[in-house]
N, C-alpha and C. Protein backbone atom coordinates (compact mmCIF):
# COMPACT_ATOMS: atom_id res chain seq x y z
N UNK A 1 -27.72 -7.14 4.28
CA UNK A 1 -26.63 -6.68 5.47
C UNK A 1 -27.06 -5.19 5.85
N UNK A 2 -27.47 -4.57 4.82
CA UNK A 2 -27.80 -3.03 5.03
C UNK A 2 -29.06 -3.05 6.17
N UNK A 3 -29.93 -3.86 6.05
CA UNK A 3 -31.02 -3.71 6.96
C UNK A 3 -30.48 -4.36 8.46
N UNK A 4 -29.65 -5.13 8.50
CA UNK A 4 -29.16 -5.53 9.84
C UNK A 4 -28.32 -4.37 10.45
N UNK A 5 -27.61 -3.82 9.65
CA UNK A 5 -26.78 -2.60 9.93
C UNK A 5 -27.63 -1.49 10.69
N UNK A 6 -28.70 -1.23 9.84
CA UNK A 6 -29.63 -0.16 10.19
C UNK A 6 -30.35 -0.41 11.58
N UNK A 7 -30.82 -1.79 11.59
CA UNK A 7 -31.52 -2.29 12.88
C UNK A 7 -30.60 -2.03 13.94
N UNK A 8 -29.24 -2.53 13.99
CA UNK A 8 -28.37 -2.39 15.05
C UNK A 8 -28.15 -1.02 15.53
N UNK A 9 -28.03 -0.26 14.48
CA UNK A 9 -27.80 1.34 14.85
C UNK A 9 -29.05 1.74 15.51
N UNK A 10 -30.33 1.51 15.00
CA UNK A 10 -31.29 1.99 15.64
C UNK A 10 -31.47 1.56 17.10
N UNK A 11 -31.28 0.20 17.44
CA UNK A 11 -31.20 -0.23 18.78
C UNK A 11 -30.18 0.58 19.86
N UNK A 12 -29.06 0.46 19.06
CA UNK A 12 -27.90 1.29 19.88
C UNK A 12 -28.31 2.78 20.13
N UNK A 13 -28.74 3.43 19.25
CA UNK A 13 -29.12 4.81 19.22
C UNK A 13 -30.28 4.85 20.34
N UNK A 14 -31.31 4.19 20.44
CA UNK A 14 -32.37 4.19 21.31
C UNK A 14 -31.68 4.00 22.66
N UNK A 15 -30.93 3.17 22.93
CA UNK A 15 -30.34 2.66 24.28
C UNK A 15 -29.55 3.89 24.66
N UNK A 16 -28.57 4.28 23.82
CA UNK A 16 -27.85 5.44 24.42
C UNK A 16 -28.69 6.80 24.72
N UNK A 17 -29.71 6.92 23.99
CA UNK A 17 -30.59 8.32 24.06
C UNK A 17 -31.26 8.08 25.67
N UNK A 18 -31.78 6.80 25.67
CA UNK A 18 -32.30 6.53 27.14
C UNK A 18 -31.14 6.86 28.41
N UNK A 19 -30.06 6.73 27.97
CA UNK A 19 -29.04 7.19 29.16
C UNK A 19 -28.30 5.79 29.58
N UNK A 20 -27.14 5.83 29.67
CA UNK A 20 -26.19 4.77 30.17
C UNK A 20 -25.58 4.93 31.61
N UNK A 21 -26.25 6.12 32.15
CA UNK A 21 -25.54 6.23 33.49
C UNK A 21 -23.99 6.49 33.56
N UNK A 22 -23.43 6.74 32.68
CA UNK A 22 -21.83 7.03 32.65
C UNK A 22 -21.57 8.38 32.40
N UNK A 23 -20.99 9.26 33.23
CA UNK A 23 -20.79 10.76 32.86
C UNK A 23 -19.69 10.98 31.83
N UNK A 24 -18.99 9.82 31.52
CA UNK A 24 -18.12 10.21 30.57
C UNK A 24 -18.63 10.24 28.90
N UNK A 25 -19.84 9.61 28.84
CA UNK A 25 -20.65 9.46 27.60
C UNK A 25 -21.13 10.85 27.38
N UNK A 26 -20.65 11.70 26.44
CA UNK A 26 -21.32 12.98 25.95
C UNK A 26 -22.33 13.00 24.91
N UNK A 27 -22.47 13.97 24.17
CA UNK A 27 -23.34 14.12 22.93
C UNK A 27 -22.73 13.19 22.02
N UNK A 28 -23.51 11.90 21.62
CA UNK A 28 -22.75 11.16 20.55
C UNK A 28 -23.80 10.98 19.61
N UNK A 29 -23.51 10.91 18.43
CA UNK A 29 -24.46 10.63 17.23
C UNK A 29 -23.70 9.13 16.59
N UNK A 30 -24.59 8.15 16.56
CA UNK A 30 -24.14 6.95 15.75
C UNK A 30 -24.36 7.21 14.41
N UNK A 31 -23.12 7.36 13.53
CA UNK A 31 -23.33 7.59 12.16
C UNK A 31 -23.66 6.33 11.41
N UNK A 32 -23.07 5.40 11.45
CA UNK A 32 -23.27 4.05 10.77
C UNK A 32 -22.78 2.80 11.73
N UNK A 33 -23.21 1.55 10.99
CA UNK A 33 -22.72 0.29 11.85
C UNK A 33 -22.33 -0.54 10.62
N UNK A 34 -21.21 -1.12 10.63
CA UNK A 34 -20.76 -2.17 9.79
C UNK A 34 -20.50 -3.51 10.32
N UNK A 35 -21.54 -4.25 9.88
CA UNK A 35 -21.45 -5.65 10.77
C UNK A 35 -20.97 -6.66 9.74
N UNK A 36 -20.05 -7.59 10.29
CA UNK A 36 -19.58 -8.58 9.51
C UNK A 36 -20.48 -9.60 9.01
N UNK A 37 -20.04 -10.33 7.85
CA UNK A 37 -21.13 -11.18 7.21
C UNK A 37 -21.33 -12.37 8.02
N UNK A 38 -20.66 -12.67 9.28
CA UNK A 38 -20.98 -13.78 9.94
C UNK A 38 -21.63 -13.22 11.13
N UNK A 39 -21.86 -12.07 11.42
CA UNK A 39 -22.70 -11.46 12.33
C UNK A 39 -21.83 -11.63 13.58
N UNK A 40 -20.51 -11.78 13.61
CA UNK A 40 -19.75 -11.93 14.92
C UNK A 40 -19.44 -10.69 15.36
N UNK A 41 -19.06 -9.66 14.62
CA UNK A 41 -18.49 -8.35 14.77
C UNK A 41 -19.21 -7.24 14.16
N UNK A 42 -19.31 -6.11 15.01
CA UNK A 42 -19.85 -4.90 14.52
C UNK A 42 -19.01 -3.65 14.67
N UNK A 43 -18.85 -2.97 13.88
CA UNK A 43 -17.85 -1.84 14.14
C UNK A 43 -19.02 -0.65 13.95
N UNK A 44 -18.94 0.15 15.00
CA UNK A 44 -20.02 1.11 15.30
C UNK A 44 -19.30 2.59 14.93
N UNK A 45 -19.78 3.28 14.19
CA UNK A 45 -18.79 4.53 14.00
C UNK A 45 -19.79 5.67 14.56
N UNK A 46 -18.99 6.48 15.37
CA UNK A 46 -19.81 7.53 16.18
C UNK A 46 -18.94 8.93 15.89
N UNK A 47 -19.91 9.76 16.09
CA UNK A 47 -19.47 11.33 16.07
C UNK A 47 -19.78 11.80 17.42
N UNK A 48 -18.81 12.46 18.00
CA UNK A 48 -18.92 13.21 19.37
C UNK A 48 -18.56 14.65 19.28
N UNK A 49 -19.49 15.38 19.80
CA UNK A 49 -19.36 16.86 19.89
C UNK A 49 -18.27 17.19 21.03
N UNK A 50 -17.27 17.85 20.70
CA UNK A 50 -16.36 18.34 21.75
C UNK A 50 -14.95 18.18 21.03
N UNK A 51 -14.05 18.20 21.96
CA UNK A 51 -12.57 18.32 21.48
C UNK A 51 -12.10 16.75 21.72
N UNK A 52 -10.73 16.59 21.63
CA UNK A 52 -10.39 15.17 21.40
C UNK A 52 -10.34 14.59 22.76
N UNK A 53 -10.19 15.23 23.82
CA UNK A 53 -10.16 14.53 25.23
C UNK A 53 -11.73 13.94 25.46
N UNK A 54 -12.65 14.74 25.21
CA UNK A 54 -14.14 14.46 25.10
C UNK A 54 -14.43 13.22 24.33
N UNK A 55 -13.84 13.28 23.23
CA UNK A 55 -13.89 12.04 22.39
C UNK A 55 -13.36 10.72 22.84
N UNK A 56 -12.27 10.96 23.34
CA UNK A 56 -11.36 9.86 24.00
C UNK A 56 -12.32 9.28 25.09
N UNK A 57 -13.05 10.15 26.01
CA UNK A 57 -13.73 9.68 27.11
C UNK A 57 -14.93 8.97 26.70
N UNK A 58 -15.63 9.55 25.67
CA UNK A 58 -16.86 8.97 25.11
C UNK A 58 -16.72 7.53 24.67
N UNK A 59 -15.69 7.44 23.85
CA UNK A 59 -15.37 6.20 23.37
C UNK A 59 -14.92 5.15 24.38
N UNK A 60 -14.33 5.54 25.56
CA UNK A 60 -14.24 4.69 26.61
C UNK A 60 -15.29 4.42 27.34
N UNK A 61 -16.24 5.41 27.64
CA UNK A 61 -17.50 5.06 28.08
C UNK A 61 -18.31 4.04 27.35
N UNK A 62 -18.42 4.11 26.25
CA UNK A 62 -18.97 3.35 25.18
C UNK A 62 -18.51 1.84 25.15
N UNK A 63 -17.21 1.93 25.26
CA UNK A 63 -16.58 0.57 25.49
C UNK A 63 -16.96 -0.01 26.47
N UNK A 64 -16.84 0.58 27.79
CA UNK A 64 -17.25 -0.07 28.96
C UNK A 64 -18.63 -0.63 28.91
N UNK A 65 -19.72 0.18 28.31
CA UNK A 65 -20.99 -0.17 28.18
C UNK A 65 -21.32 -1.06 27.13
N UNK A 66 -20.32 -1.63 26.41
CA UNK A 66 -20.61 -2.55 25.26
C UNK A 66 -21.35 -3.82 25.80
N UNK A 67 -21.31 -4.40 26.90
CA UNK A 67 -21.92 -5.33 27.31
C UNK A 67 -23.25 -5.21 27.36
N UNK A 68 -23.74 -4.13 28.14
CA UNK A 68 -25.15 -3.80 28.10
C UNK A 68 -25.94 -3.34 26.76
N UNK A 69 -25.13 -2.94 25.98
CA UNK A 69 -25.62 -2.65 24.63
C UNK A 69 -25.77 -3.72 23.76
N UNK A 70 -24.78 -4.69 23.88
CA UNK A 70 -25.04 -5.97 23.27
C UNK A 70 -26.21 -6.95 23.76
N UNK A 71 -26.45 -6.64 24.95
CA UNK A 71 -27.49 -7.40 25.47
C UNK A 71 -28.83 -6.64 24.85
N UNK A 72 -28.90 -5.42 24.91
CA UNK A 72 -30.09 -4.77 24.16
C UNK A 72 -30.45 -5.26 22.79
N UNK A 73 -29.13 -5.42 21.97
CA UNK A 73 -29.27 -5.83 20.55
C UNK A 73 -29.85 -7.36 20.74
N UNK A 74 -29.40 -8.09 21.59
CA UNK A 74 -29.91 -9.44 21.61
C UNK A 74 -31.37 -9.65 22.14
N UNK A 75 -31.79 -8.71 23.01
CA UNK A 75 -33.07 -8.67 23.31
C UNK A 75 -34.16 -8.08 22.27
N UNK A 76 -33.78 -7.18 21.58
CA UNK A 76 -34.68 -6.66 20.58
C UNK A 76 -34.56 -7.03 19.26
N UNK A 77 -33.42 -7.70 18.70
CA UNK A 77 -33.40 -8.17 17.50
C UNK A 77 -33.05 -9.73 17.57
N UNK A 78 -33.92 -10.61 16.54
CA UNK A 78 -33.74 -11.76 16.47
C UNK A 78 -32.81 -12.11 15.45
N UNK A 79 -31.50 -12.22 15.93
CA UNK A 79 -30.39 -12.68 15.24
C UNK A 79 -29.59 -13.94 15.51
N UNK A 80 -28.91 -14.52 14.45
CA UNK A 80 -28.31 -15.83 14.69
C UNK A 80 -27.18 -15.38 15.65
N UNK A 81 -26.47 -14.60 15.74
CA UNK A 81 -25.74 -14.20 16.83
C UNK A 81 -25.74 -12.61 17.07
N UNK A 82 -25.24 -12.53 18.30
CA UNK A 82 -25.29 -11.11 18.56
C UNK A 82 -23.85 -10.65 18.52
N UNK A 83 -23.50 -9.48 17.62
CA UNK A 83 -22.29 -9.19 17.40
C UNK A 83 -21.69 -8.61 18.33
N UNK A 84 -20.24 -8.56 18.53
CA UNK A 84 -19.39 -8.04 19.53
C UNK A 84 -19.33 -6.59 18.85
N UNK A 85 -19.21 -5.46 19.73
CA UNK A 85 -19.21 -4.20 19.36
C UNK A 85 -17.93 -3.65 19.55
N UNK A 86 -17.55 -2.85 18.36
CA UNK A 86 -16.33 -2.16 18.61
C UNK A 86 -16.68 -0.65 18.09
N UNK A 87 -16.49 0.41 18.89
CA UNK A 87 -16.79 1.73 18.89
C UNK A 87 -15.63 2.38 18.19
N UNK A 88 -15.83 3.14 16.95
CA UNK A 88 -14.66 3.81 16.21
C UNK A 88 -15.16 5.33 16.04
N UNK A 89 -14.12 6.31 16.25
CA UNK A 89 -14.73 7.55 16.01
C UNK A 89 -14.68 7.81 14.54
N UNK A 90 -15.73 8.46 13.90
CA UNK A 90 -16.03 8.75 12.57
C UNK A 90 -15.44 9.95 12.11
N UNK A 91 -14.39 9.87 11.39
CA UNK A 91 -13.75 11.15 11.16
C UNK A 91 -14.24 11.91 9.89
N UNK A 92 -15.25 11.11 9.28
CA UNK A 92 -15.53 11.77 7.97
C UNK A 92 -16.21 13.11 8.11
N UNK A 93 -17.10 13.38 9.27
CA UNK A 93 -17.75 14.56 9.42
C UNK A 93 -16.57 15.71 9.82
N UNK A 94 -15.66 15.36 10.41
CA UNK A 94 -14.48 16.47 10.58
C UNK A 94 -13.81 16.67 9.35
N UNK A 95 -13.67 15.59 8.43
CA UNK A 95 -12.96 15.94 7.13
C UNK A 95 -13.81 17.09 6.25
N UNK A 96 -15.22 16.63 6.31
CA UNK A 96 -16.22 17.31 5.58
C UNK A 96 -16.12 18.72 6.05
N UNK A 97 -16.19 18.95 7.20
CA UNK A 97 -16.07 20.27 7.79
C UNK A 97 -14.87 21.08 7.31
N UNK A 98 -13.68 20.45 7.42
CA UNK A 98 -12.40 20.87 6.86
C UNK A 98 -12.40 21.29 5.48
N UNK A 99 -13.27 20.41 4.72
CA UNK A 99 -13.11 20.78 3.33
C UNK A 99 -13.89 22.01 3.15
N UNK A 100 -15.01 22.02 3.75
CA UNK A 100 -15.98 23.20 3.86
C UNK A 100 -15.24 24.53 4.12
N UNK A 101 -14.48 24.37 5.24
CA UNK A 101 -13.65 25.64 5.67
C UNK A 101 -12.54 25.96 4.60
N UNK A 102 -12.05 25.28 3.90
CA UNK A 102 -10.93 25.42 2.89
C UNK A 102 -11.53 25.90 1.68
N UNK A 103 -12.97 25.48 1.13
CA UNK A 103 -13.41 25.95 0.22
C UNK A 103 -14.13 27.46 0.47
N UNK A 104 -14.41 27.73 1.72
CA UNK A 104 -15.02 28.97 2.20
C UNK A 104 -13.96 30.01 1.87
N UNK A 105 -12.78 29.63 2.19
CA UNK A 105 -11.50 30.52 2.25
C UNK A 105 -11.29 31.10 0.91
N UNK A 106 -11.55 30.32 -0.09
CA UNK A 106 -11.15 30.82 -1.49
C UNK A 106 -12.16 31.62 -2.08
């Protein structure tokens, strides 16, 4: 399953890097993908540079582009099913930065 997740992440990263023609999508990094065992769903964790409003706009832009991104997965990967994409903000980077700040204070 790890290889499938990595392949989906690579296809999505490449397609987003090419540009989606949506001004709402800012600087985004796909941190990981978690695909269900039946390949019907994929949760895509993203990290967005910016404040909370920019994060929300980017997630909305990615959500509206999910059809194009699913088509890219279907074209480039030979899978039994093309998973439905759900984009989720990855809070682990923010938590890591906060822990680093707290450790630096001491």
